[in-house]
Amino acid sequence: MKAIHFVFCLFAVFQLATASGRATAANEDFRTFLRKFTSSASFQYSRIQFPLKSPIVLLEEDGEKERTFPFTRDKWALLGEDAFKEEHITEEEGGTYISHFTVDTAERKEFEAGYEESESSLRVVFELIGGKWYLTDCYTDWYNFDLPINELPETISTIAEENKAFEEMHP
């Protein structure tokens, strides 16, 4: 009886190990995903979960109150491969620009770029959902507290023009 129980336990462990190996093998490779994400506008749009988790927050004209806007597709600036270049550049003026993945786990990647000792000018969050990578959150300098709220429509229009150029080069 103990031998049958032992064999059953071995079989169960084998099945679990095989199943977890299949689940891991089914997950999309992040580097492959990122290459496709930055080289195809249609693919990029398909892998962003709009609206993003963090809304766009701008100061009202009085400079006191905040107003939030959902970060939707019409406000998205398409990102090319240069956006995710990891670098550490010290400029002659003394500033140091750093861009790198700050979180790099099997299920979450966070990329940040900006000058050292300043807030990031870009922060992008990717999450593995159902075996596929998706962009789920972003902060970009396109929309920061310095942007006057009345210039939001013009900023969105500028982004649309830049996106159109990206889409022509990288459908």
Protein backbone atom coordinates (compact mmCIF):
# COMPACT_ATOMS: atom_id res chain seq x y z
CA MET A 1 0.00 0.00 0.00
CA LYS A 2 2.82 2.41 0.85
CA ALA A 3 4.48 1.66 -2.52
CA ILE A 4 1.31 2.60 -4.41
CA HIS A 5 1.02 5.81 -2.38
CA PHE A 6 4.69 6.64 -3.12
CA VAL A 7 4.22 6.02 -6.87
CA PHE A 8 1.09 8.16 -6.87
CA CYS A 9 2.96 11.01 -5.14
CA LEU A 10 5.81 10.79 -7.66
CA PHE A 11 3.31 10.86 -10.52
CA ALA A 12 1.56 13.91 -9.02
CA VAL A 13 4.88 15.77 -8.61
CA PHE A 14 5.81 14.92 -12.21
CA GLN A 15 2.45 16.22 -13.47
CA LEU A 16 2.80 19.49 -11.51
CA ALA A 17 6.36 20.03 -12.76
CA THR A 18 5.29 19.39 -16.34
CA ALA A 19 2.27 21.68 -16.06
CA SER A 20 4.30 24.56 -14.59
CA GLY A 21 6.89 24.10 -17.32
CA ARG A 22 4.14 24.41 -19.95
CA ALA A 23 2.77 27.54 -18.28
CA THR A 24 6.20 29.14 -18.26
CA ALA A 25 6.85 28.15 -21.86
CA ALA A 26 3.52 29.71 -22.88
CA ASN A 27 4.47 33.15 -21.52
CA GLU A 28 5.51 35.67 -24.13
CA ASP A 29 9.19 36.65 -24.12
CA PHE A 30 9.47 40.29 -23.00
CA ARG A 31 12.35 41.31 -25.30
CA THR A 32 10.56 39.88 -28.34
CA PHE A 33 7.38 41.65 -27.27
CA LEU A 34 9.20 44.97 -26.76
CA ARG A 35 10.79 44.82 -30.24
CA LYS A 36 7.37 44.31 -31.80
CA PHE A 37 5.76 46.90 -29.49
CA THR A 38 8.19 49.63 -30.57
CA SER A 39 8.14 48.78 -34.27
CA SER A 40 4.40 48.48 -34.98
CA ALA A 41 1.82 51.13 -34.14
CA SER A 42 -1.10 48.73 -34.51
CA PHE A 43 0.55 46.16 -32.25
CA GLN A 44 1.42 48.86 -29.70
CA TYR A 45 -2.17 50.08 -29.54
CA SER A 46 -3.40 46.50 -29.16
CA ARG A 47 -1.14 45.92 -26.14
CA ILE A 48 -2.02 48.99 -24.10
CA GLN A 49 -4.81 48.71 -21.55
CA PHE A 50 -6.63 52.03 -21.90
CA PRO A 51 -7.42 53.95 -19.89
CA LEU A 52 -4.10 53.63 -18.11
CA LYS A 53 -4.09 53.11 -14.34
CA SER A 54 -2.80 56.63 -13.57
CA PRO A 55 -4.81 59.54 -14.95
CA ILE A 56 -3.27 62.71 -16.29
CA VAL A 57 -3.25 65.35 -13.55
CA LEU A 58 -2.97 69.02 -14.47
CA LEU A 59 -3.26 72.17 -12.39
CA GLU A 60 -6.23 74.43 -12.99
CA GLU A 61 -5.48 77.94 -14.19
CA ASP A 62 -5.65 79.21 -10.61
CA GLY A 63 -2.57 77.09 -9.86
CA GLU A 64 -4.26 75.59 -6.82
CA LYS A 65 -6.77 72.94 -7.86
CA GLU A 66 -5.96 69.77 -9.74
CA ARG A 67 -8.00 68.34 -12.58
CA THR A 68 -7.69 64.75 -13.76
CA PHE A 69 -8.21 63.31 -17.22
CA PRO A 70 -8.27 59.62 -18.08
CA PHE A 71 -5.13 58.59 -19.97
CA THR A 72 -6.86 57.31 -23.09
CA ARG A 73 -5.72 56.28 -26.56
CA ASP A 74 -6.14 59.80 -28.01
CA LYS A 75 -3.55 61.09 -25.52
CA TRP A 76 -1.01 58.30 -26.11
CA ALA A 77 2.32 59.21 -27.77
CA LEU A 78 3.58 56.14 -29.65
CA LEU A 79 6.95 54.93 -28.35
CA GLY A 80 9.79 53.83 -30.62
CA GLU A 81 12.75 51.66 -29.69
CA ASP A 82 14.84 54.69 -28.63
CA ALA A 83 12.39 55.31 -25.78
CA PHE A 84 13.60 52.13 -24.08
CA LYS A 85 17.32 52.51 -24.65
CA GLU A 86 19.14 51.90 -21.38
CA GLU A 87 21.83 54.51 -20.84
CA HIS A 88 23.69 56.57 -18.28
CA ILE A 89 24.89 59.85 -19.80
CA THR A 90 26.77 62.55 -17.91
CA GLU A 91 26.46 65.84 -19.74
CA GLU A 92 29.07 68.59 -19.80
CA GLU A 93 26.73 70.89 -17.87
CA GLY A 94 26.86 68.38 -15.03
CA GLY A 95 23.49 66.67 -15.29
CA THR A 96 23.27 62.89 -15.54
CA TYR A 97 20.53 61.31 -17.65
CA ILE A 98 19.61 57.77 -16.67
CA SER A 99 17.21 55.43 -18.45
CA HIS A 100 16.78 51.84 -17.31
CA PHE A 101 14.41 49.17 -16.08
CA THR A 102 13.88 49.79 -12.37
CA VAL A 103 11.69 46.71 -11.93
CA ASP A 104 12.51 43.59 -13.92
CA THR A 105 10.57 40.59 -12.66
CA ALA A 106 8.98 37.69 -14.51
CA GLU A 107 5.55 39.36 -14.35
CA ARG A 108 6.28 43.11 -14.20
CA LYS A 109 8.69 45.50 -15.91
CA GLU A 110 9.03 49.20 -15.13
CA PHE A 111 11.16 51.51 -17.25
CA GLU A 112 12.16 54.97 -16.07
CA ALA A 113 14.04 57.77 -17.78
CA GLY A 114 15.07 61.19 -16.57
CA TYR A 115 17.76 63.27 -14.96
CA GLU A 116 19.34 62.08 -11.76
CA GLU A 117 17.98 63.80 -8.65
CA SER A 118 14.85 64.86 -10.57
CA GLU A 119 11.50 63.25 -11.14
CA SER A 120 11.43 60.82 -14.02
CA SER A 121 10.32 62.29 -17.33
CA LEU A 122 9.06 58.88 -18.44
CA ARG A 123 7.84 55.90 -16.45
CA VAL A 124 6.25 52.96 -18.23
CA VAL A 125 4.81 49.85 -16.58
CA PHE A 126 4.35 46.52 -18.35
CA GLU A 127 2.54 43.57 -16.81
CA LEU A 128 2.26 39.95 -17.89
CA ILE A 129 -1.46 39.18 -18.19
CA GLY A 130 -2.66 35.82 -19.44
CA GLY A 131 0.81 35.00 -20.76
CA LYS A 132 1.06 38.24 -22.82
CA TRP A 133 2.72 41.56 -22.03
CA TYR A 134 0.64 44.73 -21.79
CA LEU A 135 1.45 48.33 -21.01
CA THR A 136 -0.78 49.18 -18.05
CA ASP A 137 0.49 52.52 -16.76
CA CYS A 138 2.59 55.48 -17.85
CA TYR A 139 3.80 58.86 -16.72
CA THR A 140 5.20 61.11 -19.41
CA ASP A 141 6.41 64.71 -19.46
CA TRP A 142 3.95 65.37 -22.26
CA TYR A 143 1.42 65.76 -19.45
CA ASN A 144 2.92 67.21 -16.30
CA PHE A 145 1.94 69.93 -13.86
CA ASP A 146 3.77 72.51 -16.00
CA LEU A 147 1.33 71.99 -18.90
CA PRO A 148 -1.33 74.70 -18.72
CA ILE A 149 -4.72 73.02 -18.76
CA ASN A 150 -5.87 75.19 -21.68
CA GLU A 151 -3.00 73.77 -23.79
CA LEU A 152 -4.14 70.17 -23.39
CA PRO A 153 -6.09 70.10 -26.70
CA GLU A 154 -3.07 71.50 -28.58
CA THR A 155 -0.77 68.93 -26.94
CA ILE A 156 -3.13 66.12 -27.92
CA SER A 157 -3.18 67.47 -31.49
CA THR A 158 0.64 67.58 -31.61
CA ILE A 159 0.83 64.00 -30.35
CA ALA A 160 -1.69 62.93 -33.01
CA GLU A 161 0.54 64.44 -35.72
CA GLU A 162 3.63 62.69 -34.36
CA ASN A 163 1.70 59.42 -34.07
CA LYS A 164 0.59 59.72 -37.70
CA ALA A 165 4.24 59.97 -38.79
CA PHE A 166 5.13 56.95 -36.61
CA GLU A 167 2.21 54.97 -38.03
CA GLU A 168 3.36 55.68 -41.61
CA MET A 169 6.86 54.37 -40.83
CA HIS A 170 5.76 51.55 -38.53
CA PRO A 171 2.23 50.41 -39.38
